[in-house]
Amino acid sequence: MARRRNRRTAWPGAEQSLDIFKAKVAKKEGFKAVRGKPDSVKYEVARSLGVPLHQGYNGHLKSEDAGKVGGRIGGSMVKEMIRMAKEQISDSSPEQRGSSSRRNKM
């Protein structure tokens, strides 16, 4: 029997911000995110890919199909986080970048 994943965030209280981020990324990818139901995007992605994902039990789903859905959503989120991090690094001054790297080497 497969274990259920722990769906809590690493930082308590970050759920709302994470849901907003998911909706923003989904919208950027052309999917409609329902406010208050961030998981609705996965069903829309599944439909667009022809994957038979339904609410509730999906034990019949192939790993490949589940990966297509999760990869489309998660991959887009990772790309956006990398873009945001690069933007933040380029916006910081050289002194700020140097001091943080020196601190990490100590």
C-alpha atoms as a PDB file:
ATOM      1  CA  MET A   1       0.000   0.000   0.000  1.00  0.00           C
ATOM      2  CA  ALA A   2       1.371   3.397  -0.936  1.00  0.00           C
ATOM      3  CA  ARG A   3       1.896   6.001   1.750  1.00  0.00           C
ATOM      4  CA  ARG A   4       0.165   9.334   1.508  1.00  0.00           C
ATOM      5  CA  ARG A   5       2.475  12.278   1.152  1.00  0.00           C
ATOM      6  CA  ASN A   6       2.598  14.874   3.865  1.00  0.00           C
ATOM      7  CA  ARG A   7       1.048  17.931   2.239  1.00  0.00           C
ATOM      8  CA  ARG A   8       2.016  20.417   4.932  1.00  0.00           C
ATOM      9  CA  THR A   9       4.332  23.257   4.032  1.00  0.00           C
ATOM     10  CA  ALA A  10       7.772  23.571   5.596  1.00  0.00           C
ATOM     11  CA  TRP A  11       6.719  26.913   7.095  1.00  0.00           C
ATOM     12  CA  PRO A  12       3.380  26.962   8.909  1.00  0.00           C
ATOM     13  CA  GLY A  13       1.122  29.621   7.469  1.00  0.00           C
ATOM     14  CA  ALA A  14       2.741  29.592   4.015  1.00  0.00           C
ATOM     15  CA  GLU A  15      -0.136  27.667   2.439  1.00  0.00           C
ATOM     16  CA  GLN A  16      -2.008  30.763   1.279  1.00  0.00           C
ATOM     17  CA  SER A  17       1.073  32.287  -0.358  1.00  0.00           C
ATOM     18  CA  LEU A  18       1.872  28.972  -2.020  1.00  0.00           C
ATOM     19  CA  ASP A  19      -1.681  28.696  -3.364  1.00  0.00           C
ATOM     20  CA  ILE A  20      -1.414  32.225  -4.798  1.00  0.00           C
ATOM     21  CA  PHE A  21       1.910  31.321  -6.415  1.00  0.00           C
ATOM     22  CA  LYS A  22       0.427  28.125  -7.909  1.00  0.00           C
ATOM     23  CA  ALA A  23      -2.480  30.104  -9.345  1.00  0.00           C
ATOM     24  CA  LYS A  24      -0.131  32.714 -10.823  1.00  0.00           C
ATOM     25  CA  VAL A  25       2.000  30.059 -12.525  1.00  0.00           C
ATOM     26  CA  ALA A  26      -1.071  28.168 -13.774  1.00  0.00           C
ATOM     27  CA  LYS A  27      -2.495  31.352 -15.266  1.00  0.00           C
ATOM     28  CA  LYS A  28       0.832  32.119 -16.942  1.00  0.00           C
ATOM     29  CA  GLU A  29       0.739  28.612 -18.469  1.00  0.00           C
ATOM     30  CA  GLY A  30      -2.771  29.250 -19.805  1.00  0.00           C
ATOM     31  CA  PHE A  31      -4.758  27.311 -17.217  1.00  0.00           C
ATOM     32  CA  LYS A  32      -7.605  28.660 -15.138  1.00  0.00           C
ATOM     33  CA  ALA A  33      -7.013  28.426 -11.398  1.00  0.00           C
ATOM     34  CA  VAL A  34     -10.124  28.416  -9.224  1.00  0.00           C
ATOM     35  CA  ARG A  35      -9.674  30.670  -6.211  1.00  0.00           C
ATOM     36  CA  GLY A  36      -9.538  28.648  -3.022  1.00  0.00           C
ATOM     37  CA  LYS A  37      -9.104  25.385  -4.968  1.00  0.00           C
ATOM     38  CA  PRO A  38      -5.496  25.274  -6.186  1.00  0.00           C
ATOM     39  CA  ASP A  39      -5.762  21.536  -6.931  1.00  0.00           C
ATOM     40  CA  SER A  40      -8.347  22.260  -9.632  1.00  0.00           C
ATOM     41  CA  VAL A  41      -5.466  23.083 -11.980  1.00  0.00           C
ATOM     42  CA  LYS A  42      -4.242  19.487 -12.011  1.00  0.00           C
ATOM     43  CA  TYR A  43      -7.604  18.307 -13.346  1.00  0.00           C
ATOM     44  CA  GLU A  44      -7.534  20.934 -16.084  1.00  0.00           C
ATOM     45  CA  VAL A  45      -3.961  19.948 -16.995  1.00  0.00           C
ATOM     46  CA  ALA A  46      -4.969  16.273 -17.025  1.00  0.00           C
ATOM     47  CA  ARG A  47      -7.895  16.994 -19.358  1.00  0.00           C
ATOM     48  CA  SER A  48      -5.651  18.962 -21.725  1.00  0.00           C
ATOM     49  CA  LEU A  49      -3.205  16.029 -21.852  1.00  0.00           C
ATOM     50  CA  GLY A  50      -5.900  13.362 -22.178  1.00  0.00           C
ATOM     51  CA  VAL A  51      -5.044  11.846 -18.795  1.00  0.00           C
ATOM     52  CA  PRO A  52      -8.036  10.221 -17.004  1.00  0.00           C
ATOM     53  CA  LEU A  53      -7.480  11.901 -13.619  1.00  0.00           C
ATOM     54  CA  HIS A  54     -10.544  12.153 -11.380  1.00  0.00           C
ATOM     55  CA  GLN A  55     -11.190  13.404  -7.871  1.00  0.00           C
ATOM     56  CA  GLY A  56     -10.785  10.633  -5.347  1.00  0.00           C
ATOM     57  CA  TYR A  57      -9.062   7.329  -6.014  1.00  0.00           C
ATOM     58  CA  ASN A  58      -6.803   7.165  -9.080  1.00  0.00           C
ATOM     59  CA  GLY A  59      -5.115   3.806  -8.542  1.00  0.00           C
ATOM     60  CA  HIS A  60      -5.705   2.915 -12.179  1.00  0.00           C
ATOM     61  CA  LEU A  61      -3.560   5.825 -13.344  1.00  0.00           C
ATOM     62  CA  LYS A  62      -0.231   4.945 -14.945  1.00  0.00           C
ATOM     63  CA  SER A  63       2.877   6.462 -13.376  1.00  0.00           C
ATOM     64  CA  GLU A  64       3.722   7.954 -16.756  1.00  0.00           C
ATOM     65  CA  ASP A  65       0.388   9.783 -16.905  1.00  0.00           C
ATOM     66  CA  ALA A  66       0.659  11.028 -13.323  1.00  0.00           C
ATOM     67  CA  GLY A  67       4.151  12.289 -14.138  1.00  0.00           C
ATOM     68  CA  LYS A  68       2.863  14.161 -17.171  1.00  0.00           C
ATOM     69  CA  VAL A  69       0.377  16.061 -15.022  1.00  0.00           C
ATOM     70  CA  GLY A  70       2.698  16.702 -12.079  1.00  0.00           C
ATOM     71  CA  GLY A  71       5.627  17.540 -14.317  1.00  0.00           C
ATOM     72  CA  ARG A  72       3.669  20.119 -16.254  1.00  0.00           C
ATOM     73  CA  ILE A  73       2.607  21.890 -13.063  1.00  0.00           C
ATOM     74  CA  GLY A  74       5.702  21.398 -10.904  1.00  0.00           C
ATOM     75  CA  GLY A  75       8.119  22.026 -13.748  1.00  0.00           C
ATOM     76  CA  SER A  76       6.478  25.368 -14.473  1.00  0.00           C
ATOM     77  CA  MET A  77       6.639  26.313 -10.799  1.00  0.00           C
ATOM     78  CA  VAL A  78      10.341  25.442 -10.579  1.00  0.00           C
ATOM     79  CA  LYS A  79      11.115  27.458 -13.723  1.00  0.00           C
ATOM     80  CA  GLU A  80       9.287  30.452 -12.261  1.00  0.00           C
ATOM     81  CA  MET A  81      11.117  30.154  -8.920  1.00  0.00           C
ATOM     82  CA  ILE A  82      14.469  30.033 -10.731  1.00  0.00           C
ATOM     83  CA  ARG A  83      13.502  33.076 -12.803  1.00  0.00           C
ATOM     84  CA  MET A  84      12.513  34.960  -9.643  1.00  0.00           C
ATOM     85  CA  ALA A  85      15.760  34.009  -7.876  1.00  0.00           C
ATOM     86  CA  LYS A  86      17.869  35.133 -10.847  1.00  0.00           C
ATOM     87  CA  GLU A  87      15.976  38.413 -10.947  1.00  0.00           C
ATOM     88  CA  GLN A  88      16.504  38.935  -7.230  1.00  0.00           C
ATOM     89  CA  ILE A  89      20.233  38.196  -7.532  1.00  0.00           C
ATOM     90  CA  SER A  90      20.670  40.565 -10.462  1.00  0.00           C
ATOM     91  CA  ASP A  91      18.795  43.304  -8.582  1.00  0.00           C
ATOM     92  CA  SER A  92      21.037  43.043  -5.514  1.00  0.00           C
ATOM     93  CA  SER A  93      24.201  45.109  -5.295  1.00  0.00           C
ATOM     94  CA  PRO A  94      27.649  43.477  -5.696  1.00  0.00           C
ATOM     95  CA  GLU A  95      28.390  44.248  -2.030  1.00  0.00           C
ATOM     96  CA  GLN A  96      25.317  42.305  -0.923  1.00  0.00           C
ATOM     97  CA  ARG A  97      26.208  39.333  -3.134  1.00  0.00           C
ATOM     98  CA  GLY A  98      29.823  39.320  -1.915  1.00  0.00           C
ATOM     99  CA  SER A  99      28.955  39.521   1.768  1.00  0.00           C
ATOM    100  CA  SER A 100      26.573  36.575   1.595  1.00  0.00           C
ATOM    101  CA  SER A 101      29.096  34.387  -0.230  1.00  0.00           C
ATOM    102  CA  ARG A 102      31.838  35.275   2.270  1.00  0.00           C
ATOM    103  CA  ARG A 103      29.494  34.425   5.129  1.00  0.00           C
ATOM    104  CA  ASN A 104      28.772  31.002   3.620  1.00  0.00           C
ATOM    105  CA  LYS A 105      32.483  30.188   3.297  1.00  0.00           C
ATOM    106  CA  MET A 106      33.213  30.762   7.002  1.00  0.00           C
END
